[in-house]
C-alpha atoms as a PDB file:
ATOM      1  CA  MET A   1       0.000   0.000   0.000  1.00  0.00           C
ATOM      2  CA  THR A   2       1.255   3.486  -0.883  1.00  0.00           C
ATOM      3  CA  VAL A   3      -0.108   6.254   1.331  1.00  0.00           C
ATOM      4  CA  LEU A   4       0.074  10.025   0.929  1.00  0.00           C
ATOM      5  CA  VAL A   5      -0.349  11.843   4.255  1.00  0.00           C
ATOM      6  CA  PHE A   6      -1.107  15.522   4.699  1.00  0.00           C
ATOM      7  CA  GLY A   7      -0.460  16.580   8.294  1.00  0.00           C
ATOM      8  CA  GLY A   8       2.060  13.853   9.040  1.00  0.00           C
ATOM      9  CA  SER A   9       3.666  16.026  11.738  1.00  0.00           C
ATOM     10  CA  SER A  10       0.299  16.773  13.402  1.00  0.00           C
ATOM     11  CA  GLN A  11      -0.718  15.216  16.697  1.00  0.00           C
ATOM     12  CA  ILE A  12      -2.504  12.342  14.937  1.00  0.00           C
ATOM     13  CA  GLY A  13       0.114  12.032  12.220  1.00  0.00           C
ATOM     14  CA  ARG A  14       2.855  11.435  14.775  1.00  0.00           C
ATOM     15  CA  PHE A  15       1.086   8.243  15.794  1.00  0.00           C
ATOM     16  CA  LEU A  16      -0.158   7.216  12.359  1.00  0.00           C
ATOM     17  CA  LEU A  17       3.151   7.304  10.462  1.00  0.00           C
ATOM     18  CA  PRO A  18       4.915   4.689  12.646  1.00  0.00           C
ATOM     19  CA  ARG A  19       1.845   2.460  12.479  1.00  0.00           C
ATOM     20  CA  LEU A  20       1.696   2.687   8.697  1.00  0.00           C
ATOM     21  CA  LEU A  21       5.376   1.760   8.486  1.00  0.00           C
ATOM     22  CA  GLU A  22       4.813  -1.180  10.838  1.00  0.00           C
ATOM     23  CA  HIS A  23       2.145  -2.405   8.405  1.00  0.00           C
ATOM     24  CA  GLY A  24       4.615  -2.282   5.526  1.00  0.00           C
ATOM     25  CA  ALA A  25       3.160   0.778   3.790  1.00  0.00           C
ATOM     26  CA  MET A  26       5.281   3.056   1.625  1.00  0.00           C
ATOM     27  CA  VAL A  27       4.508   6.523   2.958  1.00  0.00           C
ATOM     28  CA  THR A  28       4.937   9.993   1.507  1.00  0.00           C
ATOM     29  CA  ALA A  29       4.186  12.757   4.009  1.00  0.00           C
ATOM     30  CA  VAL A  30       3.810  16.453   3.215  1.00  0.00           C
ATOM     31  CA  SER A  31       5.027  19.090   5.672  1.00  0.00           C
ATOM     32  CA  ARG A  32       5.392  22.861   5.583  1.00  0.00           C
ATOM     33  CA  ARG A  33       9.059  22.505   6.522  1.00  0.00           C
ATOM     34  CA  ALA A  34      11.817  20.146   5.448  1.00  0.00           C
ATOM     35  CA  ARG A  35      12.150  16.920   7.432  1.00  0.00           C
ATOM     36  CA  ALA A  36      14.612  14.046   7.344  1.00  0.00           C
ATOM     37  CA  PRO A  37      13.502  10.875   5.518  1.00  0.00           C
ATOM     38  CA  GLN A  38      13.265   7.484   7.203  1.00  0.00           C
ATOM     39  CA  PRO A  39      13.185   3.964   5.779  1.00  0.00           C
ATOM     40  CA  GLY A  40       9.821   3.641   4.041  1.00  0.00           C
ATOM     41  CA  LEU A  41       8.963   7.303   4.710  1.00  0.00           C
ATOM     42  CA  ARG A  42       9.629  10.198   2.345  1.00  0.00           C
ATOM     43  CA  TRP A  43       8.933  13.787   3.375  1.00  0.00           C
ATOM     44  CA  LEU A  44       7.984  16.466   0.854  1.00  0.00           C
ATOM     45  CA  GLN A  45       7.816  20.174   1.634  1.00  0.00           C
ATOM     46  CA  GLY A  46       4.657  22.048   0.685  1.00  0.00           C
ATOM     47  CA  SER A  47       1.163  23.064   1.728  1.00  0.00           C
ATOM     48  CA  LEU A  48      -2.402  22.847   0.454  1.00  0.00           C
ATOM     49  CA  PRO A  49      -3.975  23.729  -1.854  1.00  0.00           C
ATOM     50  CA  GLU A  50      -1.379  25.370  -4.146  1.00  0.00           C
ATOM     51  CA  ALA A  51       2.170  25.154  -2.787  1.00  0.00           C
ATOM     52  CA  LEU A  52       2.762  21.451  -3.357  1.00  0.00           C
ATOM     53  CA  PRO A  53       5.789  19.778  -4.933  1.00  0.00           C
ATOM     54  CA  ARG A  54       5.386  18.379  -8.425  1.00  0.00           C
ATOM     55  CA  GLU A  55       6.645  14.918  -7.565  1.00  0.00           C
ATOM     56  CA  LEU A  56       3.594  13.763  -5.597  1.00  0.00           C
ATOM     57  CA  PRO A  57       3.060  10.019  -6.011  1.00  0.00           C
ATOM     58  CA  LEU A  58      -0.037   8.225  -7.266  1.00  0.00           C
ATOM     59  CA  PRO A  59      -1.104   6.681  -3.963  1.00  0.00           C
ATOM     60  CA  SER A  60      -3.508   3.881  -3.179  1.00  0.00           C
ATOM     61  CA  ALA A  61      -4.693   5.913  -0.158  1.00  0.00           C
ATOM     62  CA  ILE A  62      -4.641   9.540   0.981  1.00  0.00           C
ATOM     63  CA  VAL A  63      -4.991  10.682   4.592  1.00  0.00           C
ATOM     64  CA  SER A  64      -5.452  14.317   5.598  1.00  0.00           C
ATOM     65  CA  PHE A  65      -5.422  15.843   9.078  1.00  0.00           C
ATOM     66  CA  GLY A  66      -5.460  19.452   7.925  1.00  0.00           C
ATOM     67  CA  PRO A  67      -8.219  21.913   6.998  1.00  0.00           C
ATOM     68  CA  LEU A  68     -10.843  20.218   4.869  1.00  0.00           C
ATOM     69  CA  LEU A  69     -11.584  22.912   2.283  1.00  0.00           C
ATOM     70  CA  PRO A  70      -8.002  23.322   0.970  1.00  0.00           C
ATOM     71  CA  PHE A  71      -7.657  19.538   0.866  1.00  0.00           C
ATOM     72  CA  ALA A  72     -10.930  19.158  -1.032  1.00  0.00           C
ATOM     73  CA  GLU A  73      -9.892  21.925  -3.449  1.00  0.00           C
ATOM     74  CA  TRP A  74      -6.630  20.139  -4.256  1.00  0.00           C
ATOM     75  CA  LEU A  75      -8.338  16.761  -4.430  1.00  0.00           C
ATOM     76  CA  SER A  76     -10.932  17.964  -6.920  1.00  0.00           C
ATOM     77  CA  ARG A  77      -8.163  19.023  -9.354  1.00  0.00           C
ATOM     78  CA  ALA A  78      -5.824  16.070  -8.866  1.00  0.00           C
ATOM     79  CA  ASP A  79      -5.409  13.405 -11.534  1.00  0.00           C
ATOM     80  CA  PHE A  80      -5.340   9.839 -10.234  1.00  0.00           C
ATOM     81  CA  GLY A  81      -5.781   8.026 -13.510  1.00  0.00           C
ATOM     82  CA  SER A  82      -8.090   5.035 -13.584  1.00  0.00           C
ATOM     83  CA  GLU A  83      -7.582   3.959  -9.967  1.00  0.00           C
ATOM     84  CA  PRO A  84      -8.861   6.502  -7.441  1.00  0.00           C
ATOM     85  CA  PRO A  85      -7.358   6.348  -3.946  1.00  0.00           C
ATOM     86  CA  ARG A  86      -9.060   5.576  -0.667  1.00  0.00           C
ATOM     87  CA  VAL A  87      -9.481   8.904   1.166  1.00  0.00           C
ATOM     88  CA  ILE A  88      -9.581   9.392   4.946  1.00  0.00           C
ATOM     89  CA  ALA A  89      -9.827  12.842   6.546  1.00  0.00           C
ATOM     90  CA  THR A  90     -10.529  14.319   9.957  1.00  0.00           C
ATOM     91  CA  SER A  91     -13.099  16.950  10.775  1.00  0.00           C
ATOM     92  CA  SER A  92     -14.274  17.757  14.318  1.00  0.00           C
ATOM     93  CA  MET A  93     -17.274  17.343  16.597  1.00  0.00           C
ATOM     94  CA  SER A  94     -17.212  21.161  16.692  1.00  0.00           C
ATOM     95  CA  VAL A  95     -19.480  20.867  13.645  1.00  0.00           C
ATOM     96  CA  GLU A  96     -22.195  20.049  16.170  1.00  0.00           C
ATOM     97  CA  SER A  97     -21.036  21.648  19.425  1.00  0.00           C
ATOM     98  CA  LYS A  98     -20.359  25.109  17.933  1.00  0.00           C
ATOM     99  CA  HIS A  99     -23.226  25.187  15.446  1.00  0.00           C
ATOM    100  CA  ASP A 100     -25.473  27.232  17.774  1.00  0.00           C
ATOM    101  CA  SER A 101     -22.727  29.054  19.669  1.00  0.00           C
ATOM    102  CA  GLY A 102     -23.396  32.580  20.862  1.00  0.00           C
ATOM    103  CA  VAL A 103     -19.973  33.558  19.514  1.00  0.00           C
ATOM    104  CA  PRO A 104     -20.114  34.362  15.778  1.00  0.00           C
ATOM    105  CA  ALA A 105     -16.533  33.215  15.177  1.00  0.00           C
ATOM    106  CA  GLU A 106     -17.371  29.775  16.573  1.00  0.00           C
ATOM    107  CA  ARG A 107     -20.463  29.464  14.384  1.00  0.00           C
ATOM    108  CA  ALA A 108     -18.230  30.322  11.433  1.00  0.00           C
ATOM    109  CA  ILE A 109     -15.829  27.512  12.411  1.00  0.00           C
ATOM    110  CA  ALA A 110     -18.706  25.018  12.526  1.00  0.00           C
ATOM    111  CA  GLN A 111     -19.930  26.159   9.111  1.00  0.00           C
ATOM    112  CA  LEU A 112     -16.413  25.953   7.670  1.00  0.00           C
ATOM    113  CA  LEU A 113     -16.083  22.373   8.879  1.00  0.00           C
ATOM    114  CA  CYS A 114     -19.482  21.459   7.467  1.00  0.00           C
ATOM    115  CA  ASP A 115     -18.627  23.066   4.110  1.00  0.00           C
ATOM    116  CA  GLY A 116     -15.326  21.190   4.096  1.00  0.00           C
ATOM    117  CA  GLU A 117     -17.008  17.845   4.683  1.00  0.00           C
ATOM    118  CA  GLN A 118     -19.416  18.477   1.825  1.00  0.00           C
ATOM    119  CA  ALA A 119     -16.639  19.662  -0.501  1.00  0.00           C
ATOM    120  CA  LEU A 120     -14.589  16.568   0.290  1.00  0.00           C
ATOM    121  CA  ALA A 121     -17.510  14.263  -0.490  1.00  0.00           C
ATOM    122  CA  ALA A 122     -18.082  16.099  -3.789  1.00  0.00           C
ATOM    123  CA  ALA A 123     -14.396  15.924  -4.777  1.00  0.00           C
ATOM    124  CA  CYS A 124     -14.274  12.201  -4.047  1.00  0.00           C
ATOM    125  CA  ALA A 125     -17.485  11.631  -6.010  1.00  0.00           C
ATOM    126  CA  ARG A 126     -15.849  13.322  -9.003  1.00  0.00           C
ATOM    127  CA  HIS A 127     -13.064  10.713  -8.923  1.00  0.00           C
ATOM    128  CA  GLY A 128     -15.178   7.786  -7.761  1.00  0.00           C
ATOM    129  CA  ALA A 129     -12.944   7.648  -4.687  1.00  0.00           C
ATOM    130  CA  PRO A 130     -14.283   6.047  -1.484  1.00  0.00           C
ATOM    131  CA  TRP A 131     -14.005   8.396   1.493  1.00  0.00           C
ATOM    132  CA  THR A 132     -14.449   8.394   5.246  1.00  0.00           C
ATOM    133  CA  VAL A 133     -14.461  11.385   7.595  1.00  0.00           C
ATOM    134  CA  LEU A 134     -13.675  11.036  11.303  1.00  0.00           C
ATOM    135  CA  ARG A 135     -15.094  13.620  13.726  1.00  0.00           C
ATOM    136  CA  PRO A 136     -13.020  13.557  16.922  1.00  0.00           C
ATOM    137  CA  THR A 137     -13.958  15.112  20.233  1.00  0.00           C
ATOM    138  CA  LEU A 138     -11.244  16.891  22.260  1.00  0.00           C
ATOM    139  CA  ILE A 139      -7.881  15.375  21.206  1.00  0.00           C
ATOM    140  CA  TYR A 140      -4.940  14.850  23.567  1.00  0.00           C
ATOM    141  CA  GLY A 141      -1.822  12.709  23.848  1.00  0.00           C
ATOM    142  CA  ALA A 142       0.896  14.427  21.789  1.00  0.00           C
ATOM    143  CA  GLY A 143       1.262  17.792  23.535  1.00  0.00           C
ATOM    144  CA  LEU A 144       0.146  19.605  20.376  1.00  0.00           C
ATOM    145  CA  ASP A 145      -3.491  20.262  21.244  1.00  0.00           C
ATOM    146  CA  ARG A 146      -4.717  23.758  22.068  1.00  0.00           C
ATOM    147  CA  SER A 147      -6.976  22.768  24.933  1.00  0.00           C
ATOM    148  CA  LEU A 148      -5.561  20.604  27.739  1.00  0.00           C
ATOM    149  CA  SER A 149      -1.820  20.820  27.018  1.00  0.00           C
ATOM    150  CA  PRO A 150      -1.550  24.635  27.334  1.00  0.00           C
ATOM    151  CA  ILE A 151      -3.445  24.470  30.646  1.00  0.00           C
ATOM    152  CA  ALA A 152      -1.140  21.757  31.977  1.00  0.00           C
ATOM    153  CA  ARG A 153       2.032  23.542  30.855  1.00  0.00           C
ATOM    154  CA  ARG A 154       0.873  26.830  32.386  1.00  0.00           C
ATOM    155  CA  ALA A 155       0.134  25.096  35.686  1.00  0.00           C
ATOM    156  CA  TRP A 156       3.526  23.391  35.457  1.00  0.00           C
ATOM    157  CA  ARG A 157       5.182  26.821  35.344  1.00  0.00           C
ATOM    158  CA  THR A 158       2.997  28.689  37.812  1.00  0.00           C
ATOM    159  CA  ARG A 159       2.075  25.809  40.162  1.00  0.00           C
ATOM    160  CA  VAL A 160      -1.503  27.108  40.118  1.00  0.00           C
ATOM    161  CA  PHE A 161      -4.266  25.032  38.550  1.00  0.00           C
ATOM    162  CA  PRO A 162      -7.735  26.527  37.921  1.00  0.00           C
ATOM    163  CA  LEU A 163     -10.574  24.011  38.408  1.00  0.00           C
ATOM    164  CA  PRO A 164     -13.825  25.185  36.787  1.00  0.00           C
ATOM    165  CA  ALA A 165     -17.114  23.884  38.173  1.00  0.00           C
ATOM    166  CA  GLY A 166     -18.186  22.317  34.875  1.00  0.00           C
ATOM    167  CA  ARG A 167     -20.959  19.703  35.018  1.00  0.00           C
ATOM    168  CA  GLY A 168     -21.023  18.976  31.288  1.00  0.00           C
ATOM    169  CA  LEU A 169     -19.680  15.620  30.149  1.00  0.00           C
ATOM    170  CA  ARG A 170     -16.437  15.373  28.218  1.00  0.00           C
ATOM    171  CA  GLN A 171     -14.999  12.492  26.179  1.00  0.00           C
ATOM    172  CA  PRO A 172     -11.346  13.264  25.376  1.00  0.00           C
ATOM    173  CA  VAL A 173      -9.863  10.981  22.727  1.00  0.00           C
ATOM    174  CA  HIS A 174      -6.197  10.005  22.471  1.00  0.00           C
ATOM    175  CA  ALA A 175      -4.559  10.909  19.147  1.00  0.00           C
ATOM    176  CA  ASP A 176      -3.269   7.351  18.800  1.00  0.00           C
ATOM    177  CA  ASP A 177      -6.835   5.985  18.933  1.00  0.00           C
ATOM    178  CA  ILE A 178      -7.709   8.235  15.995  1.00  0.00           C
ATOM    179  CA  ALA A 179      -4.645   6.882  14.169  1.00  0.00           C
ATOM    180  CA  LEU A 180      -5.916   3.356  14.840  1.00  0.00           C
ATOM    181  CA  ALA A 181      -9.318   4.347  13.437  1.00  0.00           C
ATOM    182  CA  VAL A 182      -7.634   5.670  10.288  1.00  0.00           C
ATOM    183  CA  LEU A 183      -5.818   2.365   9.810  1.00  0.00           C
ATOM    184  CA  ALA A 184      -9.029   0.448  10.312  1.00  0.00           C
ATOM    185  CA  ALA A 185     -10.930   2.688   7.889  1.00  0.00           C
ATOM    186  CA  LEU A 186      -8.280   2.106   5.202  1.00  0.00           C
ATOM    187  CA  ALA A 187      -9.083  -1.610   5.395  1.00  0.00           C
ATOM    188  CA  SER A 188     -12.861  -1.255   5.813  1.00  0.00           C
ATOM    189  CA  PRO A 189     -14.962  -0.853   2.633  1.00  0.00           C
ATOM    190  CA  ALA A 190     -18.055  -0.670   4.861  1.00  0.00           C
ATOM    191  CA  SER A 191     -16.908   2.684   6.269  1.00  0.00           C
ATOM    192  CA  ALA A 192     -16.858   4.367   2.849  1.00  0.00           C
ATOM    193  CA  GLY A 193     -19.182   7.337   2.505  1.00  0.00           C
ATOM    194  CA  ARG A 194     -19.522   7.681   6.293  1.00  0.00           C
ATOM    195  CA  ILE A 195     -18.904  10.479   8.759  1.00  0.00           C
ATOM    196  CA  LEU A 196     -17.936   8.736  11.992  1.00  0.00           C
ATOM    197  CA  PRO A 197     -17.816  10.465  15.389  1.00  0.00           C
ATOM    198  CA  ILE A 198     -14.938   9.300  17.584  1.00  0.00           C
ATOM    199  CA  GLY A 199     -14.639  10.086  21.276  1.00  0.00           C
ATOM    200  CA  GLY A 200     -12.611   8.563  24.064  1.00  0.00           C
ATOM    201  CA  GLY A 201     -13.622   5.432  25.891  1.00  0.00           C
ATOM    202  CA  GLU A 202     -14.835   7.302  28.950  1.00  0.00           C
ATOM    203  CA  ARG A 203     -17.266  10.118  29.671  1.00  0.00           C
ATOM    204  CA  LEU A 204     -16.533  12.320  32.662  1.00  0.00           C
ATOM    205  CA  THR A 205     -17.473  15.776  33.865  1.00  0.00           C
ATOM    206  CA  ALA A 206     -15.392  18.732  32.753  1.00  0.00           C
ATOM    207  CA  ARG A 207     -14.306  19.249  36.354  1.00  0.00           C
ATOM    208  CA  GLU A 208     -13.130  15.642  36.687  1.00  0.00           C
ATOM    209  CA  MET A 209     -11.275  15.906  33.380  1.00  0.00           C
ATOM    210  CA  PHE A 210      -9.327  18.937  34.628  1.00  0.00           C
ATOM    211  CA  THR A 211      -8.753  17.240  37.988  1.00  0.00           C
ATOM    212  CA  ARG A 212      -7.107  14.280  36.258  1.00  0.00           C
ATOM    213  CA  VAL A 213      -4.904  16.611  34.234  1.00  0.00           C
ATOM    214  CA  ARG A 214      -3.822  18.300  37.475  1.00  0.00           C
ATOM    215  CA  ARG A 215      -2.924  14.948  39.034  1.00  0.00           C
ATOM    216  CA  THR A 216      -0.390  14.280  36.283  1.00  0.00           C
ATOM    217  CA  LEU A 217       1.795  17.234  37.297  1.00  0.00           C
ATOM    218  CA  PRO A 218       4.928  16.049  39.115  1.00  0.00           C
ATOM    219  CA  HIS A 219       5.038  18.790  41.737  1.00  0.00           C
ATOM    220  CA  THR A 220       2.657  20.295  44.270  1.00  0.00           C
ATOM    221  CA  ASN A 221       0.297  22.848  42.782  1.00  0.00           C
ATOM    222  CA  LEU A 222      -2.472  24.997  44.154  1.00  0.00           C
ATOM    223  CA  PRO A 223      -5.984  24.078  42.956  1.00  0.00           C
ATOM    224  CA  VAL A 224      -8.124  27.176  42.498  1.00  0.00           C
ATOM    225  CA  PRO A 225     -11.832  26.271  42.286  1.00  0.00           C
ATOM    226  CA  LEU A 226     -13.790  28.498  39.903  1.00  0.00           C
ATOM    227  CA  PRO A 227     -17.434  28.542  41.091  1.00  0.00           C
ATOM    228  CA  ALA A 228     -20.353  28.519  38.683  1.00  0.00           C
ATOM    229  CA  TRP A 229     -21.340  32.139  39.402  1.00  0.00           C
ATOM    230  CA  LEU A 230     -17.850  33.333  38.456  1.00  0.00           C
ATOM    231  CA  LEU A 231     -17.891  31.313  35.235  1.00  0.00           C
ATOM    232  CA  HIS A 232     -21.297  32.720  34.286  1.00  0.00           C
ATOM    233  CA  ALA A 233     -19.989  36.240  34.872  1.00  0.00           C
ATOM    234  CA  GLY A 234     -16.984  35.391  32.751  1.00  0.00           C
ATOM    235  CA  GLN A 235     -19.230  34.673  29.791  1.00  0.00           C
ATOM    236  CA  ARG A 236     -20.075  38.380  29.718  1.00  0.00           C
ATOM    237  CA  PHE A 237     -16.739  39.968  30.588  1.00  0.00           C
ATOM    238  CA  ALA A 238     -14.050  37.509  29.447  1.00  0.00           C
ATOM    239  CA  PRO A 239     -12.192  37.959  26.141  1.00  0.00           C
ATOM    240  CA  THR A 240     -14.228  36.718  23.188  1.00  0.00           C
ATOM    241  CA  LYS A 241     -12.119  33.573  22.672  1.00  0.00           C
ATOM    242  CA  TRP A 242     -13.081  32.337  26.167  1.00  0.00           C
ATOM    243  CA  ARG A 243     -16.815  33.025  26.030  1.00  0.00           C
ATOM    244  CA  GLY A 244     -17.717  29.953  24.002  1.00  0.00           C
ATOM    245  CA  PRO A 245     -15.702  27.483  26.124  1.00  0.00           C
ATOM    246  CA  LEU A 246     -17.096  29.002  29.335  1.00  0.00           C
ATOM    247  CA  ALA A 247     -20.659  28.762  28.024  1.00  0.00           C
ATOM    248  CA  ARG A 248     -20.152  25.058  27.212  1.00  0.00           C
ATOM    249  CA  LEU A 249     -18.811  23.976  30.603  1.00  0.00           C
ATOM    250  CA  ASP A 250     -22.266  22.693  31.579  1.00  0.00           C
ATOM    251  CA  ALA A 251     -23.006  21.212  28.131  1.00  0.00           C
ATOM    252  CA  ASP A 252     -22.259  17.607  27.163  1.00  0.00           C
ATOM    253  CA  LEU A 253     -19.598  17.432  24.424  1.00  0.00           C
ATOM    254  CA  VAL A 254     -19.555  13.741  23.634  1.00  0.00           C
ATOM    255  CA  ALA A 255     -19.604  11.355  20.681  1.00  0.00           C
ATOM    256  CA  ASP A 256     -21.531   8.164  20.024  1.00  0.00           C
ATOM    257  CA  ASN A 257     -18.907   5.503  19.261  1.00  0.00           C
ATOM    258  CA  ASP A 258     -21.369   2.754  18.342  1.00  0.00           C
ATOM    259  CA  GLU A 259     -20.897   3.051  14.573  1.00  0.00           C
ATOM    260  CA  LEU A 260     -17.138   3.457  14.975  1.00  0.00           C
ATOM    261  CA  GLU A 261     -16.911   0.233  16.945  1.00  0.00           C
ATOM    262  CA  ARG A 262     -19.295  -1.643  14.645  1.00  0.00           C
ATOM    263  CA  LEU A 263     -17.651  -0.659  11.361  1.00  0.00           C
ATOM    264  CA  LEU A 264     -14.009  -0.320  12.398  1.00  0.00           C
ATOM    265  CA  GLY A 265     -13.702  -2.485  15.491  1.00  0.00           C
ATOM    266  CA  VAL A 266     -11.944   0.353  17.342  1.00  0.00           C
ATOM    267  CA  THR A 267     -12.592   0.879  21.056  1.00  0.00           C
ATOM    268  CA  PRO A 268     -10.833   4.054  22.277  1.00  0.00           C
ATOM    269  CA  ARG A 269      -9.084   4.050  25.649  1.00  0.00           C
ATOM    270  CA  ALA A 270     -10.315   5.652  28.862  1.00  0.00           C
ATOM    271  CA  PHE A 271      -8.920   9.030  29.918  1.00  0.00           C
ATOM    272  CA  GLN A 272      -5.818   8.184  31.965  1.00  0.00           C
ATOM    273  CA  PRO A 273      -3.338  10.939  31.056  1.00  0.00           C
ATOM    274  CA  THR A 274       0.324  11.093  32.053  1.00  0.00           C
ATOM    275  CA  ALA A 275       2.648  14.075  32.403  1.00  0.00           C
ATOM    276  CA  ASP A 276       4.548  13.399  29.170  1.00  0.00           C
ATOM    277  CA  MET A 277       1.370  13.891  27.132  1.00  0.00           C
ATOM    278  CA  TRP A 278       1.431  17.668  27.647  1.00  0.00           C
ATOM    279  CA  PHE A 279       4.793  18.277  25.934  1.00  0.00           C
ATOM    280  CA  PRO A 280       5.399  17.695  22.201  1.00  0.00           C
ATOM    281  CA  VAL A 281       8.197  15.368  21.200  1.00  0.00           C
ATOM    282  CA  LYS A 282      10.653  17.085  18.895  1.00  0.00           C
ATOM    283  CA  GLY A 283      10.608  15.872  15.328  1.00  0.00           C
END
């Protein structure tokens, strides 16, 4: 199998590439900066949709972890000859959770994701290429996320950990479990034409999620409870980028994994983080 990967250096890509190589795949990964090749893995420098090298291979499968619209734009113009590739891409459960947000920028993100999913399906239909889209919940595990890792690193430095009184359920999913789902989807014709939610193997309150993150820190830190009344006030006076997350602390942000498990046989792990998950590995 020959696989072309966009976003190979992303948090999911860092787990997928070694797994593809273990399965004997010949992998070409595209990155915005130059990277050293490895046995079975060739890196190309470029970005979607325009700034791509000319020597892209004709793959049997394409995986993308980047923005959907640029990927779909490139895909619609690509020439794959008579054998279209299997296409796997990631979207986000933000399509649903931010659809009715009170913050216009978040509604725009949800619409952009939705438009990207539709554009991808249309581009694949043009080629007759089977496609699958995975919609993850909150991703963790590689230190590259913009949600839990920055909080943990800040608490690491300051030794102060804010604990919001969130009652909404969360279902964080490890990046490696998404990589496993990608592998399974590549080998599963039944998953073609599907948008599959993927959440972690455990649902817990937002407060418990943050509490577990705090427990991973190796030194003593001061927990600072943030009561509900303060969080509600913050929705009015906090910077715009925080208003949406604060408003969703009492909302359930979860995914139904039934179809994922039925079609792909993937059962994501429970949320048991460790300290090393909050810092990216160089490479």
